[in-house]
Amino acid sequence: MNPDDLKKLKVTGSCAMGNLQDADLRGMDLRCVNLLATNLSGANLSGVDLRNANLSGANLRNANLSGANLSEVNLQVGIFRHEYMMDDELCADWIYHEANLRGANLKGANLSGALLNEANLEGANLQDANLTNTNFSEAILSEANLEGALLAGTIFQDTQMPDGEFCDDLMTV
């Protein structure tokens, strides 16, 4: 962890591309903060309010997010690849990188409306989490615990499910 990055986060509400590995951020109010591409691996984010935060490209591997509020959080980053013309209209292709939530403790977390396309949630604890209207398209959920999770409106497409099987067709719960 870089102490200057933690200070910057507390003072400015931004720590884009910072290093907060193993940081203890328990109970902090991080609503609307910019944590773009920040290393939060192993960080303690339990009880943290991350509503509307930008966690695009953040590394959350083995982070503790138990009881955290991640509603409307952005966990996906688009990197501009190229633009082209189609039918006299300017179009662009984007490459999306997955959020790394492998092994994260998200027990009771509010992830309602989160975009978790291509996210790696292998072995994550999502027990009792609010996953209402969450998009898990192309995500990896193998060995994830979804016991008691609220799944109304949740989208699974081309998703590796907790049992290791793939849900190839669009499935909305």
Protein backbone atom coordinates (compact mmCIF):
# COMPACT_ATOMS: atom_id res chain seq x y z
CA MET A 1 0.00 0.00 0.00
CA ASN A 2 1.13 3.51 -0.77
CA PRO A 3 0.35 5.84 2.20
CA ASP A 4 0.24 8.82 -0.18
CA ASP A 5 -2.55 7.14 -2.15
CA LEU A 6 -4.59 6.64 1.04
CA LYS A 7 -4.08 10.29 1.98
CA LYS A 8 -5.08 11.38 -1.53
CA LEU A 9 -8.25 9.26 -1.30
CA LYS A 10 -9.25 10.84 2.02
CA VAL A 11 -8.52 14.41 0.87
CA THR A 12 -9.71 14.44 -2.75
CA GLY A 13 -12.09 11.46 -3.02
CA SER A 14 -10.00 10.04 -5.84
CA CYS A 15 -7.20 7.51 -6.06
CA ALA A 16 -7.24 6.50 -9.70
CA MET A 17 -4.50 3.98 -10.54
CA GLY A 18 -3.36 3.98 -6.92
CA ASN A 19 -2.11 1.20 -4.70
CA LEU A 20 -4.35 0.45 -1.71
CA GLN A 21 -3.40 -3.21 -1.44
CA ASP A 22 -4.26 -4.61 2.02
CA ALA A 23 -5.57 -1.19 3.15
CA ASP A 24 -8.03 -1.05 6.05
CA LEU A 25 -10.90 1.07 4.73
CA ARG A 26 -13.61 -0.38 7.01
CA GLY A 27 -16.77 1.70 7.31
CA MET A 28 -15.55 4.57 5.11
CA ASP A 29 -17.96 6.61 3.02
CA LEU A 30 -16.59 6.24 -0.50
CA ARG A 31 -19.70 7.25 -2.42
CA CYS A 32 -18.95 8.53 -5.92
CA VAL A 33 -15.16 8.17 -5.51
CA ASN A 34 -12.88 7.49 -8.45
CA LEU A 35 -10.90 4.27 -7.89
CA LEU A 36 -10.24 3.61 -11.58
CA ALA A 37 -7.65 0.82 -12.00
CA THR A 38 -6.74 0.97 -8.31
CA ASN A 39 -5.12 -2.05 -6.64
CA LEU A 40 -7.49 -2.97 -3.78
CA SER A 41 -6.41 -6.60 -3.54
CA GLY A 42 -6.71 -7.87 0.01
CA ALA A 43 -8.19 -4.57 1.20
CA ASN A 44 -10.74 -4.55 4.02
CA LEU A 45 -13.76 -2.75 2.57
CA SER A 46 -16.33 -4.25 4.94
CA GLY A 47 -19.26 -1.95 5.58
CA VAL A 48 -17.95 0.61 3.08
CA ASP A 49 -20.47 2.73 1.16
CA LEU A 50 -19.32 2.56 -2.47
CA ARG A 51 -22.56 3.67 -4.11
CA ASN A 52 -21.94 5.14 -7.57
CA ALA A 53 -18.18 4.69 -7.21
CA ASN A 54 -15.98 4.12 -10.23
CA LEU A 55 -14.13 0.83 -9.67
CA SER A 56 -13.49 0.25 -13.36
CA GLY A 57 -10.50 -1.99 -13.80
CA ALA A 58 -9.87 -2.14 -10.04
CA ASN A 59 -8.23 -5.26 -8.65
CA LEU A 60 -10.47 -6.54 -5.84
CA ARG A 61 -8.97 -10.00 -5.57
CA ASN A 62 -9.44 -11.38 -2.05
CA ALA A 63 -10.87 -8.05 -0.87
CA ASN A 64 -13.32 -8.16 2.03
CA LEU A 65 -16.50 -6.42 0.87
CA SER A 66 -18.86 -7.96 3.43
CA GLY A 67 -21.78 -5.65 4.12
CA ALA A 68 -20.51 -3.12 1.57
CA ASN A 69 -22.98 -1.11 -0.50
CA LEU A 70 -21.97 -1.40 -4.15
CA SER A 71 -25.27 -0.38 -5.73
CA GLU A 72 -24.87 1.33 -9.10
CA VAL A 73 -21.10 0.82 -8.90
CA ASN A 74 -19.12 0.73 -12.13
CA LEU A 75 -16.81 -2.29 -12.19
CA GLN A 76 -16.08 -2.31 -15.89
CA VAL A 77 -13.73 -0.29 -18.00
CA GLY A 78 -13.88 0.35 -21.71
CA ILE A 79 -10.69 1.01 -23.61
CA PHE A 80 -11.06 2.66 -26.99
CA ARG A 81 -9.86 0.34 -29.74
CA HIS A 82 -10.72 2.00 -33.04
CA GLU A 83 -13.41 3.91 -34.84
CA TYR A 84 -14.89 3.30 -38.24
CA MET A 85 -17.70 4.45 -40.52
CA MET A 86 -20.79 2.32 -41.09
CA ASP A 87 -23.73 3.58 -43.13
CA ASP A 88 -22.37 7.15 -42.87
CA GLU A 89 -22.30 6.88 -39.07
CA LEU A 90 -19.17 7.01 -36.91
CA CYS A 91 -18.93 3.84 -34.81
CA ALA A 92 -16.41 2.64 -32.21
CA ASP A 93 -15.38 -0.73 -30.85
CA TRP A 94 -14.57 -1.09 -27.18
CA ILE A 95 -12.64 -3.73 -25.30
CA TYR A 96 -13.97 -4.46 -21.82
CA HIS A 97 -11.82 -5.77 -19.02
CA GLU A 98 -13.30 -7.85 -16.25
CA ALA A 99 -13.45 -6.88 -12.61
CA ASN A 100 -11.31 -9.16 -10.47
CA LEU A 101 -13.47 -10.19 -7.49
CA ARG A 102 -12.03 -13.67 -7.19
CA GLY A 103 -12.47 -14.91 -3.64
CA ALA A 104 -13.97 -11.59 -2.50
CA ASN A 105 -16.24 -11.61 0.54
CA LEU A 106 -19.41 -9.87 -0.66
CA LYS A 107 -21.71 -11.36 1.98
CA GLY A 108 -24.74 -9.09 2.36
CA ALA A 109 -23.32 -6.55 -0.10
CA ASN A 110 -25.67 -4.42 -2.17
CA LEU A 111 -24.70 -4.93 -5.81
CA SER A 112 -28.08 -3.99 -7.26
CA GLY A 113 -27.78 -2.71 -10.81
CA ALA A 114 -24.03 -3.40 -11.01
CA LEU A 115 -22.46 -4.23 -14.39
CA LEU A 116 -20.36 -7.32 -13.76
CA ASN A 117 -19.94 -8.36 -17.39
CA GLU A 118 -16.86 -10.56 -17.76
CA ALA A 119 -16.13 -10.29 -14.02
CA ASN A 120 -14.17 -13.03 -12.29
CA LEU A 121 -16.11 -13.97 -9.15
CA GLU A 122 -14.63 -17.44 -8.78
CA GLY A 123 -15.07 -18.58 -5.18
CA ALA A 124 -16.64 -15.25 -4.14
CA ASN A 125 -19.05 -15.21 -1.21
CA LEU A 126 -22.27 -13.56 -2.42
CA GLN A 127 -24.41 -15.04 0.36
CA ASP A 128 -27.41 -12.83 1.18
CA ALA A 129 -26.19 -10.19 -1.32
CA ASN A 130 -28.64 -7.96 -3.18
CA LEU A 131 -28.00 -8.82 -6.83
CA THR A 132 -31.25 -7.33 -8.15
CA ASN A 133 -30.87 -6.23 -11.80
CA THR A 134 -27.17 -7.12 -11.82
CA ASN A 135 -25.65 -8.13 -15.16
CA PHE A 136 -23.37 -11.20 -15.00
CA SER A 137 -22.99 -11.70 -18.76
CA GLU A 138 -19.81 -13.67 -19.54
CA ALA A 139 -18.85 -13.66 -15.84
CA ILE A 140 -17.16 -16.50 -13.97
CA LEU A 141 -19.15 -17.57 -10.92
CA SER A 142 -17.61 -21.02 -10.43
CA GLU A 143 -17.65 -22.06 -6.76
CA ALA A 144 -19.33 -18.75 -5.80
CA ASN A 145 -21.81 -18.87 -2.91
CA LEU A 146 -25.18 -17.40 -3.97
CA GLU A 147 -27.15 -18.81 -1.01
CA GLY A 148 -29.90 -16.40 0.03
CA ALA A 149 -28.95 -13.82 -2.63
CA LEU A 150 -31.70 -11.64 -4.13
CA LEU A 151 -31.64 -12.38 -7.87
CA ALA A 152 -34.74 -10.59 -9.24
CA GLY A 153 -34.00 -9.24 -12.71
CA THR A 154 -30.43 -10.60 -12.66
CA ILE A 155 -28.97 -11.40 -16.08
CA PHE A 156 -26.85 -14.48 -16.77
CA GLN A 157 -25.67 -14.99 -20.36
CA ASP A 158 -22.60 -16.98 -21.37
CA THR A 159 -21.93 -17.14 -17.62
CA GLN A 160 -20.03 -19.88 -15.81
CA MET A 161 -22.37 -20.74 -12.95
CA PRO A 162 -21.37 -21.81 -9.39
CA ASP A 163 -21.64 -25.49 -10.31
CA GLY A 164 -19.12 -24.97 -13.14
CA GLU A 165 -21.76 -25.33 -15.88
CA PHE A 166 -22.22 -22.61 -18.48
CA CYS A 167 -25.47 -20.72 -19.00
CA ASP A 168 -25.13 -20.13 -22.74
CA ASP A 169 -28.54 -18.61 -23.39
CA LEU A 170 -29.84 -15.38 -21.93
CA MET A 171 -31.43 -16.11 -18.58
CA THR A 172 -33.09 -13.46 -16.47
CA VAL A 173 -34.17 -14.53 -13.01
